[in-house]
Each structure stands twice: as structure tokens, then as C-alpha cells.
PDB file of N, CA and C in Angstrom:
ATOM      1  N   LYS A   1    -113.377 -37.633  -8.382  1.00  0.00           N
ATOM      2  CA  LYS A   1    -113.580 -36.347  -9.016  1.00  0.00           C
ATOM      3  C   LYS A   1    -114.521 -35.511  -8.171  1.00  0.00           C
ATOM      4  N   GLY A   2    -114.775 -34.361  -8.634  1.00  0.00           N
ATOM      5  CA  GLY A   2    -115.670 -33.482  -7.900  1.00  0.00           C
ATOM      6  C   GLY A   2    -114.897 -32.398  -7.189  1.00  0.00           C
ATOM      7  N   GLY A   3    -115.595 -31.674  -6.377  1.00  0.00           N
ATOM      8  CA  GLY A   3    -114.978 -30.585  -5.638  1.00  0.00           C
ATOM      9  C   GLY A   3    -115.441 -29.243  -6.155  1.00  0.00           C
ATOM     10  N   ASP A   4    -115.012 -28.215  -5.499  1.00  0.00           N
ATOM     11  CA  ASP A   4    -115.314 -26.847  -5.884  1.00  0.00           C
ATOM     12  C   ASP A   4    -114.260 -25.957  -5.247  1.00  0.00           C
ATOM     13  N   ASN A   5    -114.509 -24.698  -5.177  1.00  0.00           N
ATOM     14  CA  ASN A   5    -113.511 -23.761  -4.639  1.00  0.00           C
ATOM     15  C   ASN A   5    -113.943 -23.132  -3.327  1.00  0.00           C
ATOM     16  N   ARG A   6    -114.764 -23.820  -2.545  1.00  0.00           N
ATOM     17  CA  ARG A   6    -115.263 -23.218  -1.304  1.00  0.00           C
ATOM     18  C   ARG A   6    -114.150 -22.937  -0.294  1.00  0.00           C
ATOM     19  N   LEU A   7    -112.991 -23.602  -0.423  1.00  0.00           N
ATOM     20  CA  LEU A   7    -111.873 -23.334   0.488  1.00  0.00           C
ATOM     21  C   LEU A   7    -110.710 -22.623  -0.216  1.00  0.00           C
ATOM     22  N   ALA A   8    -111.021 -21.956  -1.323  1.00  0.00           N
ATOM     23  CA  ALA A   8    -109.997 -21.173  -2.028  1.00  0.00           C
ATOM     24  C   ALA A   8    -109.442 -20.121  -1.066  1.00  0.00           C
ATOM     25  N   HIS A   9    -108.160 -19.898  -1.135  1.00  0.00           N
ATOM     26  CA  HIS A   9    -107.463 -18.922  -0.297  1.00  0.00           C
ATOM     27  C   HIS A   9    -107.421 -19.333   1.171  1.00  0.00           C
ATOM     28  N   ARG A  10    -107.693 -20.589   1.452  1.00  0.00           N
ATOM     29  CA  ARG A  10    -107.579 -21.138   2.809  1.00  0.00           C
ATOM     30  C   ARG A  10    -106.388 -22.080   2.863  1.00  0.00           C
ATOM     31  N   ILE A  11    -105.757 -22.146   4.028  1.00  0.00           N
ATOM     32  CA  ILE A  11    -104.565 -22.983   4.198  1.00  0.00           C
ATOM     33  C   ILE A  11    -104.796 -23.957   5.345  1.00  0.00           C
ATOM     34  N   LEU A  12    -104.494 -25.229   5.089  1.00  0.00           N
ATOM     35  CA  LEU A  12    -104.593 -26.293   6.072  1.00  0.00           C
ATOM     36  C   LEU A  12    -103.182 -26.713   6.481  1.00  0.00           C
ATOM     37  N   ALA A  13    -102.938 -26.783   7.786  1.00  0.00           N
ATOM     38  CA  ALA A  13    -101.671 -27.339   8.280  1.00  0.00           C
ATOM     39  C   ALA A  13    -101.949 -28.755   8.752  1.00  0.00           C
ATOM     40  N   THR A  14    -101.168 -29.701   8.257  1.00  0.00           N
ATOM     41  CA  THR A  14    -101.243 -31.073   8.761  1.00  0.00           C
ATOM     42  C   THR A  14     -99.966 -31.305   9.549  1.00  0.00           C
ATOM     43  N   VAL A  15    -100.120 -31.576  10.834  1.00  0.00           N
ATOM     44  CA  VAL A  15     -98.989 -31.761  11.745  1.00  0.00           C
ATOM     45  C   VAL A  15     -99.036 -33.203  12.232  1.00  0.00           C
ATOM     46  N   PHE A  16     -98.121 -34.008  11.734  1.00  0.00           N
ATOM     47  CA  PHE A  16     -98.142 -35.435  12.027  1.00  0.00           C
ATOM     48  C   PHE A  16     -96.916 -35.837  12.828  1.00  0.00           C
ATOM     49  N   TYR A  17     -97.132 -36.229  14.069  1.00  0.00           N
ATOM     50  CA  TYR A  17     -96.073 -36.773  14.909  1.00  0.00           C
ATOM     51  C   TYR A  17     -96.016 -38.287  14.778  1.00  0.00           C
ATOM     52  N   GLU A  18     -96.947 -38.842  14.010  1.00  0.00           N
ATOM     53  CA  GLU A  18     -96.963 -40.258  13.654  1.00  0.00           C
ATOM     54  C   GLU A  18     -97.171 -40.336  12.146  1.00  0.00           C
ATOM     55  N   ALA A  19     -96.443 -41.217  11.507  1.00  0.00           N
ATOM     56  CA  ALA A  19     -96.606 -41.387  10.064  1.00  0.00           C
ATOM     57  C   ALA A  19     -97.958 -42.023   9.764  1.00  0.00           C
ATOM     58  N   SER A  20     -98.609 -41.538   8.725  1.00  0.00           N
ATOM     59  CA  SER A  20     -99.873 -42.120   8.280  1.00  0.00           C
ATOM     60  C   SER A  20    -100.133 -41.673   6.849  1.00  0.00           C
ATOM     61  N   THR A  21     -99.749 -42.514   5.922  1.00  0.00           N
ATOM     62  CA  THR A  21     -99.889 -42.179   4.507  1.00  0.00           C
ATOM     63  C   THR A  21    -101.343 -41.945   4.120  1.00  0.00           C
ATOM     64  N   ARG A  22    -102.231 -42.841   4.503  1.00  0.00           N
ATOM     65  CA  ARG A  22    -103.637 -42.714   4.091  1.00  0.00           C
ATOM     66  C   ARG A  22    -104.321 -41.516   4.724  1.00  0.00           C
ATOM     67  N   THR A  23    -104.110 -41.296   6.020  1.00  0.00           N
ATOM     68  CA  THR A  23    -104.751 -40.158   6.685  1.00  0.00           C
ATOM     69  C   THR A  23    -104.233 -38.841   6.120  1.00  0.00           C
ATOM     70  N   SER A  24    -102.926 -38.740   5.976  1.00  0.00           N
ATOM     71  CA  SER A  24    -102.334 -37.527   5.427  1.00  0.00           C
ATOM     72  C   SER A  24    -102.829 -37.264   4.006  1.00  0.00           C
ATOM     73  N   SER A  25    -102.830 -38.312   3.187  1.00  0.00           N
ATOM     74  CA  SER A  25    -103.274 -38.170   1.799  1.00  0.00           C
ATOM     75  C   SER A  25    -104.737 -37.774   1.704  1.00  0.00           C
ATOM     76  N   SER A  26    -105.578 -38.315   2.581  1.00  0.00           N
ATOM     77  CA  SER A  26    -107.004 -37.991   2.509  1.00  0.00           C
ATOM     78  C   SER A  26    -107.263 -36.519   2.840  1.00  0.00           C
ATOM     79  N   PHE A  27    -106.570 -35.985   3.838  1.00  0.00           N
ATOM     80  CA  PHE A  27    -106.733 -34.562   4.153  1.00  0.00           C
ATOM     81  C   PHE A  27    -106.188 -33.680   3.033  1.00  0.00           C
ATOM     82  N   GLN A  28    -105.048 -34.061   2.473  1.00  0.00           N
ATOM     83  CA  GLN A  28    -104.470 -33.280   1.385  1.00  0.00           C
ATOM     84  C   GLN A  28    -105.369 -33.294   0.148  1.00  0.00           C
ATOM     85  N   ALA A  29    -105.872 -34.464  -0.207  1.00  0.00           N
ATOM     86  CA  ALA A  29    -106.748 -34.562  -1.378  1.00  0.00           C
ATOM     87  C   ALA A  29    -108.022 -33.752  -1.185  1.00  0.00           C
ATOM     88  N   ALA A  30    -108.629 -33.855  -0.006  1.00  0.00           N
ATOM     89  CA  ALA A  30    -109.863 -33.116   0.263  1.00  0.00           C
ATOM     90  C   ALA A  30    -109.634 -31.609   0.170  1.00  0.00           C
ATOM     91  N   MET A  31    -108.555 -31.140   0.778  1.00  0.00           N
ATOM     92  CA  MET A  31    -108.273 -29.706   0.751  1.00  0.00           C
ATOM     93  C   MET A  31    -108.036 -29.217  -0.671  1.00  0.00           C
ATOM     94  N   GLN A  32    -107.283 -29.978  -1.441  1.00  0.00           N
ATOM     95  CA  GLN A  32    -107.013 -29.576  -2.825  1.00  0.00           C
ATOM     96  C   GLN A  32    -108.272 -29.611  -3.685  1.00  0.00           C
ATOM     97  N   ARG A  33    -109.122 -30.611  -3.481  1.00  0.00           N
ATOM     98  CA  ARG A  33    -110.369 -30.685  -4.254  1.00  0.00           C
ATOM     99  C   ARG A  33    -111.302 -29.517  -3.948  1.00  0.00           C
ATOM    100  N   LEU A  34    -111.152 -28.937  -2.760  1.00  0.00           N
ATOM    101  CA  LEU A  34    -111.985 -27.800  -2.379  1.00  0.00           C
ATOM    102  C   LEU A  34    -111.286 -26.461  -2.591  1.00  0.00           C
ATOM    103  N   GLY A  35    -110.160 -26.492  -3.298  1.00  0.00           N
ATOM    104  CA  GLY A  35    -109.504 -25.263  -3.714  1.00  0.00           C
ATOM    105  C   GLY A  35    -108.498 -24.684  -2.741  1.00  0.00           C
ATOM    106  N   GLY A  36    -108.232 -25.360  -1.631  1.00  0.00           N
ATOM    107  CA  GLY A  36    -107.292 -24.855  -0.634  1.00  0.00           C
ATOM    108  C   GLY A  36    -105.875 -25.367  -0.848  1.00  0.00           C
ATOM    109  N   THR A  37    -104.990 -24.934   0.024  1.00  0.00           N
ATOM    110  CA  THR A  37    -103.597 -25.370  -0.021  1.00  0.00           C
ATOM    111  C   THR A  37    -103.212 -25.980   1.327  1.00  0.00           C
ATOM    112  N   ILE A  38    -102.072 -26.688   1.316  1.00  0.00           N
ATOM    113  CA  ILE A  38    -101.644 -27.450   2.491  1.00  0.00           C
ATOM    114  C   ILE A  38    -100.207 -27.114   2.851  1.00  0.00           C
ATOM    115  N   ILE A  39     -99.961 -26.997   4.152  1.00  0.00           N
ATOM    116  CA  ILE A  39     -98.605 -26.967   4.695  1.00  0.00           C
ATOM    117  C   ILE A  39     -98.483 -28.216   5.550  1.00  0.00           C
ATOM    118  N   HIS A  40     -97.544 -29.095   5.213  1.00  0.00           N
ATOM    119  CA  HIS A  40     -97.372 -30.323   5.995  1.00  0.00           C
ATOM    120  C   HIS A  40     -96.147 -30.179   6.897  1.00  0.00           C
ATOM    121  N   ILE A  41     -96.321 -30.492   8.170  1.00  0.00           N
ATOM    122  CA  ILE A  41     -95.239 -30.463   9.145  1.00  0.00           C
ATOM    123  C   ILE A  41     -95.028 -31.881   9.654  1.00  0.00           C
ATOM    124  N   ASP A  42     -93.815 -32.375   9.502  1.00  0.00           N
ATOM    125  CA  ASP A  42     -93.448 -33.681  10.049  1.00  0.00           C
ATOM    126  C   ASP A  42     -92.980 -33.443  11.473  1.00  0.00           C
ATOM    127  N   GLY A  43     -93.902 -33.553  12.411  1.00  0.00           N
ATOM    128  CA  GLY A  43     -93.613 -33.245  13.806  1.00  0.00           C
ATOM    129  C   GLY A  43     -92.565 -34.131  14.437  1.00  0.00           C
ATOM    130  N   LYS A  44     -92.486 -35.359  13.976  1.00  0.00           N
ATOM    131  CA  LYS A  44     -91.535 -36.300  14.553  1.00  0.00           C
ATOM    132  C   LYS A  44     -90.149 -36.157  13.941  1.00  0.00           C
ATOM    133  N   GLY A  45     -90.083 -35.625  12.768  1.00  0.00           N
ATOM    134  CA  GLY A  45     -88.817 -35.525  12.041  1.00  0.00           C
ATOM    135  C   GLY A  45     -87.913 -34.431  12.563  1.00  0.00           C
ATOM    136  N   ASN A  46     -86.953 -34.120  11.770  1.00  0.00           N
ATOM    137  CA  ASN A  46     -85.944 -33.124  12.134  1.00  0.00           C
ATOM    138  C   ASN A  46     -86.453 -31.735  11.767  1.00  0.00           C
ATOM    139  N   ASN A  47     -87.168 -31.101  12.668  1.00  0.00           N
ATOM    140  CA  ASN A  47     -87.602 -29.733  12.419  1.00  0.00           C
ATOM    141  C   ASN A  47     -87.104 -28.837  13.546  1.00  0.00           C
ATOM    142  N   SER A  48     -87.079 -27.565  13.313  1.00  0.00           N
ATOM    143  CA  SER A  48     -86.476 -26.653  14.284  1.00  0.00           C
ATOM    144  C   SER A  48     -87.251 -26.593  15.597  1.00  0.00           C
ATOM    145  N   ALA A  49     -88.570 -26.762  15.559  1.00  0.00           N
ATOM    146  CA  ALA A  49     -89.351 -26.726  16.796  1.00  0.00           C
ATOM    147  C   ALA A  49     -88.918 -27.844  17.732  1.00  0.00           C
ATOM    148  N   ASN A  50     -88.751 -29.037  17.196  1.00  0.00           N
ATOM    149  CA  ASN A  50     -88.294 -30.157  18.019  1.00  0.00           C
ATOM    150  C   ASN A  50     -86.874 -29.929  18.504  1.00  0.00           C
ATOM    151  N   ALA A  51     -86.025 -29.489  17.615  1.00  0.00           N
ATOM    152  CA  ALA A  51     -84.616 -29.288  17.963  1.00  0.00           C
ATOM    153  C   ALA A  51     -84.444 -28.249  19.066  1.00  0.00           C
ATOM    154  N   LYS A  52     -85.321 -27.252  19.095  1.00  0.00           N
ATOM    155  CA  LYS A  52     -85.232 -26.187  20.098  1.00  0.00           C
ATOM    156  C   LYS A  52     -86.020 -26.503  21.366  1.00  0.00           C
ATOM    157  N   GLY A  53     -86.704 -27.650  21.373  1.00  0.00           N
ATOM    158  CA  GLY A  53     -87.466 -28.032  22.556  1.00  0.00           C
ATOM    159  C   GLY A  53     -88.789 -27.300  22.705  1.00  0.00           C
ATOM    160  N   GLU A  54     -89.322 -26.796  21.623  1.00  0.00           N
ATOM    161  CA  GLU A  54     -90.600 -26.084  21.661  1.00  0.00           C
ATOM    162  C   GLU A  54     -91.722 -27.058  22.016  1.00  0.00           C
ATOM    163  N   SER A  55     -92.648 -26.628  22.841  1.00  0.00           N
ATOM    164  CA  SER A  55     -93.755 -27.489  23.233  1.00  0.00           C
ATOM    165  C   SER A  55     -94.748 -27.643  22.083  1.00  0.00           C
ATOM    166  N   LEU A  56     -95.545 -28.693  22.165  1.00  0.00           N
ATOM    167  CA  LEU A  56     -96.574 -28.938  21.155  1.00  0.00           C
ATOM    168  C   LEU A  56     -97.538 -27.764  21.078  1.00  0.00           C
ATOM    169  N   SER A  57     -97.983 -27.275  22.216  1.00  0.00           N
ATOM    170  CA  SER A  57     -98.946 -26.164  22.206  1.00  0.00           C
ATOM    171  C   SER A  57     -98.348 -24.892  21.609  1.00  0.00           C
ATOM    172  N   ASP A  58     -97.067 -24.632  21.857  1.00  0.00           N
ATOM    173  CA  ASP A  58     -96.423 -23.465  21.245  1.00  0.00           C
ATOM    174  C   ASP A  58     -96.327 -23.622  19.727  1.00  0.00           C
ATOM    175  N   THR A  59     -95.990 -24.810  19.288  1.00  0.00           N
ATOM    176  CA  THR A  59     -95.897 -25.067  17.847  1.00  0.00           C
ATOM    177  C   THR A  59     -97.241 -24.842  17.176  1.00  0.00           C
ATOM    178  N   ILE A  60     -98.302 -25.393  17.755  1.00  0.00           N
ATOM    179  CA  ILE A  60     -99.639 -25.252  17.175  1.00  0.00           C
ATOM    180  C   ILE A  60    -100.092 -23.799  17.211  1.00  0.00           C
ATOM    181  N   ARG A  61     -99.874 -23.112  18.324  1.00  0.00           N
ATOM    182  CA  ARG A  61    -100.259 -21.697  18.422  1.00  0.00           C
ATOM    183  C   ARG A  61     -99.550 -20.850  17.376  1.00  0.00           C
ATOM    184  N   CYS A  62     -98.296 -21.124  17.139  1.00  0.00           N
ATOM    185  CA  CYS A  62     -97.546 -20.387  16.114  1.00  0.00           C
ATOM    186  C   CYS A  62     -98.122 -20.654  14.723  1.00  0.00           C
ATOM    187  N   LEU A  63     -98.381 -21.926  14.418  1.00  0.00           N
ATOM    188  CA  LEU A  63     -98.944 -22.276  13.116  1.00  0.00           C
ATOM    189  C   LEU A  63    -100.302 -21.626  12.891  1.00  0.00           C
ATOM    190  N   GLU A  64    -101.094 -21.486  13.944  1.00  0.00           N
ATOM    191  CA  GLU A  64    -102.418 -20.891  13.811  1.00  0.00           C
ATOM    192  C   GLU A  64    -102.371 -19.457  13.304  1.00  0.00           C
ATOM    193  N   CYS A  65    -101.231 -18.804  13.429  1.00  0.00           N
ATOM    194  CA  CYS A  65    -101.072 -17.452  12.892  1.00  0.00           C
ATOM    195  C   CYS A  65    -100.984 -17.452  11.367  1.00  0.00           C
ATOM    196  N   TYR A  66    -100.645 -18.606  10.791  1.00  0.00           N
ATOM    197  CA  TYR A  66    -100.413 -18.698   9.354  1.00  0.00           C
ATOM    198  C   TYR A  66    -101.480 -19.470   8.600  1.00  0.00           C
ATOM    199  N   VAL A  67    -102.250 -20.295   9.307  1.00  0.00           N
ATOM    200  CA  VAL A  67    -103.189 -21.182   8.628  1.00  0.00           C
ATOM    201  C   VAL A  67    -104.605 -20.969   9.137  1.00  0.00           C
ATOM    202  N   ASP A  68    -105.555 -21.528   8.406  1.00  0.00           N
ATOM    203  CA  ASP A  68    -106.962 -21.415   8.776  1.00  0.00           C
ATOM    204  C   ASP A  68    -107.477 -22.627   9.533  1.00  0.00           C
ATOM    205  N   LEU A  69    -106.793 -23.748   9.376  1.00  0.00           N
ATOM    206  CA  LEU A  69    -107.227 -24.993   9.985  1.00  0.00           C
ATOM    207  C   LEU A  69    -106.013 -25.868  10.234  1.00  0.00           C
ATOM    208  N   THR A  70    -106.005 -26.574  11.367  1.00  0.00           N
ATOM    209  CA  THR A  70    -104.890 -27.452  11.708  1.00  0.00           C
ATOM    210  C   THR A  70    -105.410 -28.851  11.994  1.00  0.00           C
ATOM    211  N   VAL A  71    -104.736 -29.844  11.399  1.00  0.00           N
ATOM    212  CA  VAL A  71    -105.008 -31.252  11.686  1.00  0.00           C
ATOM    213  C   VAL A  71    -103.788 -31.782  12.428  1.00  0.00           C
ATOM    214  N   LEU A  72    -104.010 -32.395  13.576  1.00  0.00           N
ATOM    215  CA  LEU A  72    -102.909 -32.913  14.393  1.00  0.00           C
ATOM    216  C   LEU A  72    -103.053 -34.416  14.570  1.00  0.00           C
ATOM    217  N   ARG A  73    -101.979 -35.130  14.286  1.00  0.00           N
ATOM    218  CA  ARG A  73    -101.916 -36.565  14.587  1.00  0.00           C
ATOM    219  C   ARG A  73    -100.749 -36.754  15.540  1.00  0.00           C
ATOM    220  N   HIS A  74    -101.076 -37.168  16.765  1.00  0.00           N
ATOM    221  CA  HIS A  74    -100.067 -37.274  17.820  1.00  0.00           C
ATOM    222  C   HIS A  74    -100.286 -38.566  18.592  1.00  0.00           C
ATOM    223  N   PRO A  75     -99.194 -39.247  18.997  1.00  0.00           N
ATOM    224  CA  PRO A  75     -99.343 -40.539  19.669  1.00  0.00           C
ATOM    225  C   PRO A  75     -99.869 -40.464  21.104  1.00  0.00           C
ATOM    226  N   THR A  76     -99.823 -39.311  21.726  1.00  0.00           N
ATOM    227  CA  THR A  76    -100.245 -39.186  23.122  1.00  0.00           C
ATOM    228  C   THR A  76    -101.740 -38.914  23.203  1.00  0.00           C
ATOM    229  N   THR A  77    -102.455 -39.791  23.891  1.00  0.00           N
ATOM    230  CA  THR A  77    -103.888 -39.603  24.074  1.00  0.00           C
ATOM    231  C   THR A  77    -104.144 -38.295  24.814  1.00  0.00           C
ATOM    232  N   GLY A  78    -105.081 -37.521  24.299  1.00  0.00           N
ATOM    233  CA  GLY A  78    -105.428 -36.243  24.937  1.00  0.00           C
ATOM    234  C   GLY A  78    -104.576 -35.070  24.514  1.00  0.00           C
ATOM    235  N   SER A  79    -103.654 -35.262  23.601  1.00  0.00           N
ATOM    236  CA  SER A  79    -102.757 -34.172  23.215  1.00  0.00           C
ATOM    237  C   SER A  79    -103.513 -33.011  22.581  1.00  0.00           C
ATOM    238  N   VAL A  80    -104.562 -33.282  21.849  1.00  0.00           N
ATOM    239  CA  VAL A  80    -105.338 -32.215  21.218  1.00  0.00           C
ATOM    240  C   VAL A  80    -106.005 -31.348  22.294  1.00  0.00           C
ATOM    241  N   ALA A  81    -106.501 -31.973  23.339  1.00  0.00           N
ATOM    242  CA  ALA A  81    -107.173 -31.218  24.400  1.00  0.00           C
ATOM    243  C   ALA A  81    -106.196 -30.317  25.151  1.00  0.00           C
ATOM    244  N   ASN A  82    -104.913 -30.638  25.114  1.00  0.00           N
ATOM    245  CA  ASN A  82    -103.909 -29.841  25.825  1.00  0.00           C
ATOM    246  C   ASN A  82    -103.327 -28.712  24.991  1.00  0.00           C
ATOM    247  N   VAL A  83    -103.762 -28.593  23.772  1.00  0.00           N
ATOM    248  CA  VAL A  83    -103.205 -27.547  22.891  1.00  0.00           C
ATOM    249  C   VAL A  83    -103.952 -26.259  23.084  1.00  0.00           C
TER     250      VAL A  83
END
């Protein structure tokens, strides 16, 4: 229990190229407890960015236009630094 509305009207994007139920759930629960909302992107699944060959950095840059914060889970070491 607990939480407040300090992140009301804020949007978190969770972009997971690796499945992780606990990590994904913890970010979603935290954001909701603080009054925010979540957009989840299954990076590894069948999405248009992958189908069109869009780079990881292009995908993240595009999402940043819509959200306030992005969480990325990617199997390649250093992928966050390259975004």
C-alpha cells in the first residue's frame, strides 16, 4: 500500500526486448502507485518498429516524444549507452 500522486499526468514507457515478469511488474506497480500511467512495448515481439527494421535508438527517440520516462531492458550490453 501507500503511494501518492507525485507522478500524476506522467507517462512511463517500458520497452522490454527480454521478458521479465518481476521487473516489468515492479515498474508498473510503482508508476501506478505514484499516480502515473504506463505504455508497455514488447520490443522482441511483433511490432511495427521491428518489422520495418527501425533501430533501437530511433524507436527510443520516437517514444520520448510521447512519454516522460523510458525504462529499457535489452539483452545487448551497453545498449542504453548507445541510445
